[in-house]
Amino acid sequence: MVIITLQRDKCIGCNYCVEMDPIHFQMSKKDGKSVLIHSQNAKGFFTLKLANHAIAESCEMAAKACPVKIITVKET
């Protein structure tokens, strides 16, 4: 299981996550912040759980590229 978390409130809209992983991230047209596609919101933390471990690499690249470090990727 791969768990991706985005702390959206702290997003600065740099678009690096979308460049690294356009399958799981997109930019909101409303406020210019990152959106973790198909995620669940829990008090500002958007979480996506996926069984496919193959996606972990692109998600980790997005997390490393984020200048404000608001993306985490955990493999269980």
Protein backbone atom coordinates (compact mmCIF):
# COMPACT_ATOMS: atom_id res chain seq x y z
CA MET A 1 0.00 0.00 0.00
CA VAL A 2 1.25 3.48 -0.91
CA ILE A 3 -0.12 6.43 1.08
CA ILE A 4 0.28 9.90 -0.44
CA THR A 5 -0.57 12.96 1.65
CA LEU A 6 -0.81 16.58 0.53
CA GLN A 7 -1.07 19.46 3.01
CA ARG A 8 -2.90 21.67 0.52
CA ASP A 9 -3.31 24.80 2.67
CA LYS A 10 0.46 25.37 2.59
CA CYS A 11 0.77 24.96 -1.20
CA ILE A 12 2.45 27.89 -2.99
CA GLY A 13 1.34 26.83 -6.47
CA CYS A 14 4.79 26.16 -7.95
CA ASN A 15 3.47 23.30 -10.17
CA TYR A 16 6.50 21.02 -9.58
CA CYS A 17 4.34 18.15 -8.33
CA VAL A 18 2.28 18.21 -11.53
CA GLU A 19 5.43 18.23 -13.66
CA MET A 20 6.82 15.20 -11.77
CA ASP A 21 3.55 13.23 -11.45
CA PRO A 22 0.69 14.51 -13.65
CA ILE A 23 -1.27 11.30 -13.06
CA HIS A 24 -1.85 12.06 -9.36
CA PHE A 25 -1.52 15.85 -9.18
CA GLN A 26 -3.13 18.78 -10.97
CA MET A 27 -3.39 22.50 -10.36
CA SER A 28 -6.71 24.01 -9.30
CA LYS A 29 -8.11 26.64 -11.64
CA LYS A 30 -9.91 28.26 -8.68
CA ASP A 31 -6.98 29.05 -6.40
CA GLY A 32 -3.83 27.89 -8.24
CA LYS A 33 -2.92 25.29 -5.62
CA SER A 34 -2.10 21.64 -6.10
CA VAL A 35 -4.83 18.99 -6.00
CA LEU A 36 -4.17 15.33 -5.19
CA ILE A 37 -6.57 13.59 -7.57
CA HIS A 38 -9.16 11.22 -5.99
CA SER A 39 -7.95 12.00 -2.46
CA GLN A 40 -9.93 12.24 0.78
CA ASN A 41 -9.79 15.45 2.85
CA ALA A 42 -9.29 15.25 6.61
CA LYS A 43 -8.76 18.68 8.18
CA GLY A 44 -6.61 20.05 5.35
CA PHE A 45 -4.66 16.85 4.76
CA PHE A 46 -5.59 15.23 1.46
CA THR A 47 -4.77 11.51 1.44
CA LEU A 48 -4.75 8.93 -1.31
CA LYS A 49 -4.19 5.21 -0.64
CA LEU A 50 -3.18 2.98 -3.54
CA ALA A 51 -2.25 -0.68 -3.69
CA ASN A 52 0.08 -0.23 -6.68
CA HIS A 53 3.68 0.19 -5.47
CA ALA A 54 4.83 1.05 -9.01
CA ILE A 55 3.44 4.60 -8.60
CA ALA A 56 5.58 5.29 -5.54
CA GLU A 57 8.58 6.47 -7.57
CA SER A 58 6.75 9.26 -9.42
CA CYS A 59 5.02 10.35 -6.20
CA GLU A 60 8.34 10.44 -4.36
CA MET A 61 9.80 12.58 -7.15
CA ALA A 62 6.91 15.02 -6.67
CA ALA A 63 7.51 15.07 -2.91
CA LYS A 64 11.24 15.76 -3.36
CA ALA A 65 10.56 18.54 -5.89
CA CYS A 66 8.13 20.37 -3.59
CA PRO A 67 9.93 23.46 -2.20
CA VAL A 68 7.64 23.72 0.85
CA LYS A 69 7.74 19.95 1.61
CA ILE A 70 3.97 19.44 1.92
CA ILE A 71 3.83 16.07 0.14
CA THR A 72 4.63 12.80 1.91
CA VAL A 73 4.78 9.29 0.47
CA LYS A 74 4.77 6.20 2.68
CA GLU A 75 4.94 2.60 1.59
CA THR A 76 3.52 -0.06 3.88
